[in-house]
N, C-alpha and C. Protein backbone atom coordinates (compact mmCIF):
# COMPACT_ATOMS: atom_id res chain seq x y z
N MET A 1 146.38 -132.40 130.08
CA MET A 1 147.34 -132.24 131.15
C MET A 1 147.60 -130.75 131.31
N GLY A 2 147.77 -130.30 132.55
CA GLY A 2 148.02 -128.89 132.75
C GLY A 2 148.66 -128.60 134.09
N GLN A 3 149.26 -127.42 134.17
CA GLN A 3 149.84 -126.93 135.41
C GLN A 3 148.74 -126.27 136.22
N LEU A 4 148.92 -126.24 137.54
CA LEU A 4 147.91 -125.66 138.41
C LEU A 4 148.38 -124.39 139.12
N GLY A 5 149.29 -123.66 138.52
CA GLY A 5 149.74 -122.42 139.11
C GLY A 5 150.91 -122.56 140.08
N ILE A 6 151.34 -123.78 140.32
CA ILE A 6 152.52 -124.04 141.16
C ILE A 6 153.48 -124.88 140.34
N ALA A 7 154.71 -124.46 140.26
CA ALA A 7 155.72 -125.15 139.46
C ALA A 7 155.83 -126.62 139.86
N GLY A 8 155.73 -127.50 138.87
CA GLY A 8 155.88 -128.93 139.08
C GLY A 8 154.61 -129.68 139.41
N VAL A 9 153.53 -128.97 139.75
CA VAL A 9 152.23 -129.62 140.03
C VAL A 9 151.54 -129.85 138.69
N ILE A 10 151.07 -131.08 138.47
CA ILE A 10 150.46 -131.45 137.19
C ILE A 10 149.07 -132.03 137.43
N LEU A 11 148.12 -131.63 136.62
CA LEU A 11 146.79 -132.21 136.64
C LEU A 11 146.59 -132.94 135.31
N THR A 12 146.44 -134.26 135.38
CA THR A 12 146.35 -135.10 134.19
C THR A 12 144.97 -135.74 134.08
N PRO A 13 144.25 -135.50 132.96
CA PRO A 13 142.96 -136.18 132.78
C PRO A 13 143.18 -137.69 132.67
N LEU A 14 142.26 -138.46 133.26
CA LEU A 14 142.36 -139.91 133.25
C LEU A 14 141.16 -140.51 132.52
N LYS A 15 141.37 -141.70 131.98
CA LYS A 15 140.29 -142.41 131.31
C LYS A 15 139.43 -143.14 132.33
N ARG A 16 138.15 -143.05 132.12
CA ARG A 16 137.17 -143.82 132.87
C ARG A 16 136.32 -144.50 131.81
N ILE A 17 136.47 -145.81 131.72
CA ILE A 17 135.79 -146.57 130.69
C ILE A 17 134.53 -147.16 131.29
N GLN A 18 133.38 -146.69 130.81
CA GLN A 18 132.11 -147.14 131.35
C GLN A 18 131.73 -148.51 130.81
N HIS A 19 131.23 -149.32 131.70
CA HIS A 19 130.79 -150.67 131.36
C HIS A 19 129.53 -150.96 132.16
N PRO A 20 128.55 -151.61 131.57
CA PRO A 20 127.31 -151.86 132.30
C PRO A 20 127.47 -152.69 133.57
N LYS A 21 128.52 -153.47 133.66
CA LYS A 21 128.74 -154.29 134.86
C LYS A 21 129.74 -153.67 135.83
N GLY A 22 130.25 -152.49 135.50
CA GLY A 22 131.21 -151.79 136.37
C GLY A 22 132.30 -151.14 135.55
N ASP A 23 132.67 -149.94 135.91
CA ASP A 23 133.63 -149.15 135.14
C ASP A 23 135.08 -149.56 135.40
N VAL A 24 135.93 -149.21 134.46
CA VAL A 24 137.38 -149.33 134.60
C VAL A 24 137.92 -147.90 134.72
N CYS A 25 138.65 -147.64 135.82
CA CYS A 25 139.16 -146.30 136.09
C CYS A 25 140.69 -146.34 136.06
N HIS A 26 141.28 -145.73 135.06
CA HIS A 26 142.72 -145.69 134.97
C HIS A 26 143.29 -144.82 136.08
N ALA A 27 144.54 -145.09 136.47
CA ALA A 27 145.22 -144.29 137.50
C ALA A 27 146.59 -143.82 137.00
N MET A 28 147.49 -144.74 136.59
CA MET A 28 148.81 -144.34 136.17
C MET A 28 149.52 -145.45 135.42
N LYS A 29 150.29 -145.03 134.41
CA LYS A 29 151.19 -145.93 133.69
C LYS A 29 152.60 -145.36 133.85
N LYS A 30 153.59 -146.20 133.75
CA LYS A 30 154.96 -145.72 133.92
C LYS A 30 155.37 -144.75 132.82
N SER A 31 154.65 -144.72 131.71
CA SER A 31 154.95 -143.77 130.63
C SER A 31 154.25 -142.42 130.81
N ASP A 32 153.45 -142.27 131.87
CA ASP A 32 152.70 -141.03 132.11
C ASP A 32 153.58 -139.91 132.67
N PRO A 33 153.23 -138.65 132.31
CA PRO A 33 153.88 -137.51 132.98
C PRO A 33 153.60 -137.60 134.48
N GLY A 34 154.58 -137.27 135.28
CA GLY A 34 154.43 -137.33 136.72
C GLY A 34 154.95 -138.62 137.33
N PHE A 35 155.12 -139.66 136.51
CA PHE A 35 155.66 -140.91 137.04
C PHE A 35 157.15 -140.75 137.26
N THR A 36 157.59 -140.91 138.51
CA THR A 36 159.02 -140.78 138.84
C THR A 36 159.55 -142.03 139.50
N GLY A 37 158.76 -143.10 139.46
CA GLY A 37 159.15 -144.35 140.08
C GLY A 37 158.00 -144.85 140.95
N PHE A 38 158.15 -146.08 141.45
CA PHE A 38 157.11 -146.65 142.29
C PHE A 38 157.70 -147.07 143.62
N GLY A 39 157.09 -146.60 144.70
CA GLY A 39 157.49 -146.98 146.05
C GLY A 39 156.37 -147.72 146.75
N GLU A 40 155.15 -147.15 146.69
CA GLU A 40 153.99 -147.81 147.29
C GLU A 40 152.71 -147.14 146.80
N ALA A 41 151.62 -147.87 146.95
CA ALA A 41 150.28 -147.34 146.67
C ALA A 41 149.47 -147.53 147.93
N TYR A 42 148.70 -146.50 148.29
CA TYR A 42 147.81 -146.64 149.44
C TYR A 42 146.56 -145.81 149.23
N PHE A 43 145.50 -146.21 149.94
CA PHE A 43 144.24 -145.48 149.93
C PHE A 43 144.12 -144.73 151.25
N SER A 44 143.45 -143.58 151.20
CA SER A 44 143.17 -142.79 152.38
C SER A 44 141.74 -142.27 152.25
N THR A 45 141.05 -142.15 153.37
CA THR A 45 139.71 -141.59 153.35
C THR A 45 139.71 -140.28 154.12
N VAL A 46 138.75 -139.42 153.80
CA VAL A 46 138.54 -138.19 154.56
C VAL A 46 137.03 -138.03 154.72
N ASN A 47 136.60 -137.83 155.95
CA ASN A 47 135.19 -137.71 156.26
C ASN A 47 134.59 -136.44 155.65
N PRO A 48 133.29 -136.45 155.34
CA PRO A 48 132.64 -135.26 154.81
C PRO A 48 132.88 -134.04 155.70
N GLY A 49 133.37 -132.96 155.09
CA GLY A 49 133.63 -131.71 155.81
C GLY A 49 134.94 -131.66 156.54
N ASP A 50 135.57 -132.79 156.82
CA ASP A 50 136.84 -132.79 157.54
C ASP A 50 137.99 -132.37 156.63
N ILE A 51 139.04 -131.82 157.26
CA ILE A 51 140.22 -131.36 156.55
C ILE A 51 141.44 -132.05 157.15
N LYS A 52 142.27 -132.60 156.29
CA LYS A 52 143.56 -133.18 156.70
C LYS A 52 144.65 -132.28 156.14
N GLY A 53 145.60 -131.93 156.95
CA GLY A 53 146.71 -131.10 156.48
C GLY A 53 147.17 -130.22 157.61
N TRP A 54 148.13 -129.42 157.36
CA TRP A 54 149.06 -129.34 156.25
C TRP A 54 150.16 -130.37 156.41
N LYS A 55 150.55 -130.97 155.31
CA LYS A 55 151.64 -131.94 155.29
C LYS A 55 152.51 -131.65 154.08
N ARG A 56 153.82 -131.80 154.30
CA ARG A 56 154.79 -131.60 153.21
C ARG A 56 155.74 -132.78 153.20
N HIS A 57 155.91 -133.36 152.03
CA HIS A 57 156.90 -134.42 151.86
C HIS A 57 158.20 -133.81 151.37
N LEU A 58 159.29 -134.31 151.88
CA LEU A 58 160.61 -133.77 151.54
C LEU A 58 161.23 -134.45 150.34
N ARG A 59 160.86 -135.73 150.10
CA ARG A 59 161.41 -136.47 148.96
C ARG A 59 160.35 -137.15 148.10
N MET A 60 159.16 -137.38 148.64
CA MET A 60 158.12 -138.14 147.96
C MET A 60 157.34 -137.29 146.96
N THR A 61 157.12 -137.85 145.77
CA THR A 61 156.18 -137.29 144.80
C THR A 61 154.86 -138.03 144.96
N LEU A 62 153.78 -137.27 145.12
CA LEU A 62 152.44 -137.85 145.27
C LEU A 62 151.75 -137.88 143.92
N ASN A 63 150.99 -138.91 143.65
CA ASN A 63 150.12 -138.99 142.47
C ASN A 63 148.75 -139.39 143.00
N LEU A 64 147.85 -138.41 143.10
CA LEU A 64 146.58 -138.57 143.80
C LEU A 64 145.42 -138.72 142.82
N VAL A 65 144.58 -139.72 143.08
CA VAL A 65 143.40 -140.01 142.27
C VAL A 65 142.22 -140.22 143.22
N VAL A 66 141.06 -139.70 142.85
CA VAL A 66 139.85 -139.85 143.67
C VAL A 66 138.82 -140.66 142.88
N PRO A 67 138.74 -141.99 143.13
CA PRO A 67 137.77 -142.81 142.41
C PRO A 67 136.38 -142.80 143.03
N VAL A 68 136.27 -142.36 144.30
CA VAL A 68 134.99 -142.37 145.02
C VAL A 68 134.87 -141.08 145.85
N GLY A 69 133.72 -140.41 145.76
CA GLY A 69 133.50 -139.21 146.55
C GLY A 69 134.01 -137.96 145.83
N GLU A 70 134.30 -136.94 146.63
CA GLU A 70 134.78 -135.67 146.09
C GLU A 70 135.72 -135.05 147.12
N ILE A 71 136.93 -134.70 146.69
CA ILE A 71 137.94 -134.17 147.60
C ILE A 71 138.54 -132.90 147.02
N ARG A 72 138.63 -131.90 147.87
CA ARG A 72 139.27 -130.63 147.52
C ARG A 72 140.72 -130.69 148.01
N PHE A 73 141.67 -130.48 147.11
CA PHE A 73 143.09 -130.45 147.44
C PHE A 73 143.57 -129.02 147.37
N VAL A 74 144.27 -128.57 148.40
CA VAL A 74 144.84 -127.23 148.42
C VAL A 74 146.34 -127.38 148.62
N MET A 75 147.09 -126.69 147.76
CA MET A 75 148.55 -126.75 147.82
C MET A 75 149.12 -125.36 148.08
N HIS A 76 150.21 -125.35 148.83
CA HIS A 76 150.95 -124.11 149.09
C HIS A 76 152.42 -124.39 148.78
N ASP A 77 152.99 -123.57 147.91
CA ASP A 77 154.39 -123.80 147.51
C ASP A 77 155.31 -123.27 148.61
N GLY A 78 155.92 -124.20 149.34
CA GLY A 78 156.82 -123.84 150.43
C GLY A 78 158.29 -123.90 150.04
N ARG A 79 158.56 -123.99 148.75
CA ARG A 79 159.95 -124.08 148.29
C ARG A 79 160.49 -122.67 148.02
N SER A 80 161.45 -122.25 148.80
CA SER A 80 161.97 -120.88 148.69
C SER A 80 162.62 -120.61 147.33
N GLU A 81 163.16 -121.65 146.69
CA GLU A 81 163.84 -121.48 145.41
C GLU A 81 162.90 -121.54 144.21
N SER A 82 161.62 -121.83 144.45
CA SER A 82 160.64 -122.00 143.37
C SER A 82 160.17 -120.66 142.81
N SER A 83 159.88 -120.65 141.53
CA SER A 83 159.33 -119.44 140.89
C SER A 83 157.91 -119.14 141.38
N THR A 84 157.27 -120.12 142.00
CA THR A 84 155.91 -119.92 142.51
C THR A 84 155.87 -119.99 144.05
N SER A 85 157.00 -119.75 144.69
CA SER A 85 157.09 -119.80 146.14
C SER A 85 156.02 -118.92 146.79
N GLY A 86 155.32 -119.49 147.79
CA GLY A 86 154.31 -118.73 148.52
C GLY A 86 152.92 -118.77 147.91
N LYS A 87 152.78 -119.30 146.70
CA LYS A 87 151.48 -119.33 146.02
C LYS A 87 150.63 -120.51 146.47
N PHE A 88 149.31 -120.32 146.40
CA PHE A 88 148.33 -121.36 146.66
C PHE A 88 147.72 -121.82 145.33
N SER A 89 147.27 -123.06 145.32
CA SER A 89 146.52 -123.59 144.19
C SER A 89 145.59 -124.66 144.75
N GLU A 90 144.48 -124.85 144.08
CA GLU A 90 143.55 -125.88 144.53
C GLU A 90 142.92 -126.60 143.36
N SER A 91 142.46 -127.81 143.64
CA SER A 91 141.80 -128.63 142.64
C SER A 91 140.81 -129.55 143.36
N ILE A 92 139.66 -129.77 142.73
CA ILE A 92 138.67 -130.70 143.26
C ILE A 92 138.63 -131.91 142.33
N LEU A 93 138.85 -133.09 142.92
CA LEU A 93 138.83 -134.32 142.15
C LEU A 93 137.66 -135.19 142.59
N SER A 94 137.10 -135.91 141.64
CA SER A 94 135.96 -136.80 141.88
C SER A 94 135.80 -137.70 140.66
N PRO A 95 134.91 -138.67 140.71
CA PRO A 95 134.66 -139.47 139.51
C PRO A 95 134.19 -138.63 138.32
N SER A 96 133.47 -137.56 138.56
CA SER A 96 133.01 -136.71 137.45
C SER A 96 134.07 -135.71 137.00
N ASN A 97 135.11 -135.51 137.80
CA ASN A 97 136.26 -134.69 137.42
C ASN A 97 137.49 -135.58 137.63
N TYR A 98 137.56 -136.60 136.79
CA TYR A 98 138.51 -137.70 137.00
C TYR A 98 139.87 -137.35 136.41
N HIS A 99 140.78 -136.97 137.31
CA HIS A 99 142.14 -136.57 136.97
C HIS A 99 143.11 -137.15 137.99
N ARG A 100 144.38 -137.11 137.66
CA ARG A 100 145.45 -137.43 138.61
C ARG A 100 146.18 -136.14 138.93
N LEU A 101 146.37 -135.88 140.22
CA LEU A 101 147.08 -134.69 140.69
C LEU A 101 148.47 -135.12 141.12
N THR A 102 149.49 -134.62 140.44
CA THR A 102 150.88 -134.92 140.78
C THR A 102 151.45 -133.76 141.58
N VAL A 103 151.93 -134.07 142.79
CA VAL A 103 152.45 -133.05 143.71
C VAL A 103 153.90 -133.40 144.03
N PRO A 104 154.85 -132.56 143.61
CA PRO A 104 156.27 -132.84 143.87
C PRO A 104 156.64 -132.57 145.33
N PRO A 105 157.80 -133.03 145.75
CA PRO A 105 158.28 -132.75 147.12
C PRO A 105 158.36 -131.24 147.37
N GLY A 106 158.15 -130.86 148.64
CA GLY A 106 158.30 -129.47 149.04
C GLY A 106 157.02 -128.66 149.03
N ILE A 107 155.92 -129.25 148.53
CA ILE A 107 154.63 -128.56 148.47
C ILE A 107 153.80 -128.94 149.70
N TRP A 108 153.28 -127.93 150.41
CA TRP A 108 152.37 -128.20 151.52
C TRP A 108 151.02 -128.58 150.94
N LEU A 109 150.39 -129.63 151.49
CA LEU A 109 149.14 -130.14 150.97
C LEU A 109 148.13 -130.31 152.10
N GLY A 110 146.91 -129.87 151.84
CA GLY A 110 145.78 -130.14 152.71
C GLY A 110 144.64 -130.62 151.83
N PHE A 111 143.76 -131.43 152.39
CA PHE A 111 142.61 -131.85 151.60
C PHE A 111 141.37 -132.00 152.46
N GLN A 112 140.22 -131.77 151.82
CA GLN A 112 138.94 -131.70 152.50
C GLN A 112 137.93 -132.61 151.80
N GLY A 113 137.21 -133.39 152.60
CA GLY A 113 136.14 -134.23 152.06
C GLY A 113 134.93 -133.40 151.71
N LEU A 114 134.54 -133.39 150.46
CA LEU A 114 133.38 -132.62 150.02
C LEU A 114 132.16 -133.49 149.78
N GLY A 115 132.37 -134.76 149.45
CA GLY A 115 131.25 -135.66 149.21
C GLY A 115 130.52 -135.98 150.50
N SER A 116 129.23 -136.33 150.39
CA SER A 116 128.43 -136.60 151.57
C SER A 116 128.62 -138.00 152.13
N GLY A 117 129.26 -138.87 151.36
CA GLY A 117 129.53 -140.24 151.82
C GLY A 117 131.02 -140.48 151.90
N LEU A 118 131.43 -141.63 151.42
CA LEU A 118 132.84 -141.99 151.43
C LEU A 118 133.63 -141.14 150.44
N ASN A 119 134.73 -140.54 150.91
CA ASN A 119 135.65 -139.79 150.07
C ASN A 119 136.99 -140.52 150.12
N LEU A 120 137.36 -141.12 149.00
CA LEU A 120 138.50 -142.03 148.94
C LEU A 120 139.53 -141.53 147.96
N LEU A 121 140.79 -141.49 148.39
CA LEU A 121 141.86 -141.14 147.47
C LEU A 121 142.86 -142.28 147.40
N LEU A 122 143.50 -142.38 146.25
CA LEU A 122 144.60 -143.31 146.00
C LEU A 122 145.84 -142.47 145.80
N ASN A 123 146.91 -142.81 146.52
CA ASN A 123 148.21 -142.18 146.28
C ASN A 123 149.16 -143.22 145.72
N LEU A 124 149.70 -142.93 144.55
CA LEU A 124 150.74 -143.75 143.92
C LEU A 124 152.05 -143.01 144.15
N ALA A 125 152.73 -143.35 145.21
CA ALA A 125 153.93 -142.64 145.63
C ALA A 125 155.18 -143.24 145.01
N ASP A 126 156.17 -142.40 144.80
CA ASP A 126 157.40 -142.88 144.16
C ASP A 126 158.39 -143.50 145.15
N ILE A 127 158.18 -143.30 146.45
CA ILE A 127 159.03 -143.95 147.46
C ILE A 127 158.11 -144.52 148.55
N GLU A 128 158.63 -145.44 149.33
CA GLU A 128 157.86 -146.00 150.43
C GLU A 128 157.73 -144.96 151.54
N HIS A 129 156.61 -145.05 152.28
CA HIS A 129 156.37 -144.13 153.40
C HIS A 129 157.48 -144.28 154.43
N GLU A 130 157.97 -143.14 154.88
CA GLU A 130 159.00 -143.07 155.92
C GLU A 130 158.68 -141.83 156.75
N PRO A 131 158.30 -142.00 158.03
CA PRO A 131 157.85 -140.87 158.84
C PRO A 131 158.80 -139.67 158.87
N SER A 132 160.09 -139.89 158.81
CA SER A 132 161.05 -138.78 158.90
C SER A 132 161.14 -137.97 157.61
N GLU A 133 160.45 -138.38 156.55
CA GLU A 133 160.55 -137.70 155.26
C GLU A 133 159.42 -136.70 155.06
N SER A 134 158.57 -136.51 156.06
CA SER A 134 157.49 -135.54 155.92
C SER A 134 157.36 -134.69 157.19
N GLU A 135 156.67 -133.55 157.01
CA GLU A 135 156.43 -132.63 158.12
C GLU A 135 154.95 -132.28 158.16
N ASN A 136 154.44 -132.02 159.35
CA ASN A 136 153.04 -131.59 159.54
C ASN A 136 153.04 -130.29 160.33
N ILE A 137 152.11 -129.40 159.96
CA ILE A 137 151.91 -128.15 160.69
C ILE A 137 150.41 -127.91 160.84
N PRO A 138 149.99 -127.08 161.81
CA PRO A 138 148.56 -126.82 162.01
C PRO A 138 147.90 -126.14 160.82
N LEU A 139 146.58 -126.37 160.66
CA LEU A 139 145.83 -125.80 159.54
C LEU A 139 145.86 -124.28 159.53
N ASP A 140 145.91 -123.64 160.69
CA ASP A 140 145.88 -122.17 160.73
C ASP A 140 147.24 -121.53 160.46
N THR A 141 148.24 -122.31 160.04
CA THR A 141 149.57 -121.77 159.77
C THR A 141 149.56 -120.80 158.58
N PHE A 142 148.79 -121.13 157.54
CA PHE A 142 148.74 -120.30 156.34
C PHE A 142 147.42 -119.53 156.28
N PRO A 143 147.42 -118.35 155.68
CA PRO A 143 146.19 -117.54 155.58
C PRO A 143 145.31 -118.06 154.44
N PHE A 144 144.71 -119.23 154.66
CA PHE A 144 143.83 -119.81 153.65
C PHE A 144 142.47 -120.09 154.30
N GLN A 145 141.41 -119.67 153.63
CA GLN A 145 140.05 -119.90 154.13
C GLN A 145 139.48 -121.17 153.55
N TRP A 146 139.34 -122.16 154.37
CA TRP A 146 138.74 -123.42 153.93
C TRP A 146 137.25 -123.22 153.81
């Protein structure tokens, strides 16, 4: 488990148990670091080369896992009171780099499909989706080169 250069962002290695008939891929237990409650779980896809973002949740903690494909996550700390305010951090998740990325509220997030086929993420969120609890801004808002 480790920090990614932004206060409160956690990268946790996950178990992937190989089996000849199909693997078991762990995602989260309530005793894990980053677990702050359960609101909903959902899957999202991102096409190869496409970028989704920037989005910031005001109350939701994200717990992101990539069981299929390869996705690049880029975070920007938009919290003025944070010791890492204004900093960027990134992580690439895939079955071969099998980790859970925990992103607290207030962090701007964008993600890009790097795999050539299906790029699938699982979000284990601590609250249910509510449109008024998040904000979206254009990709060119921050000086980041995708």
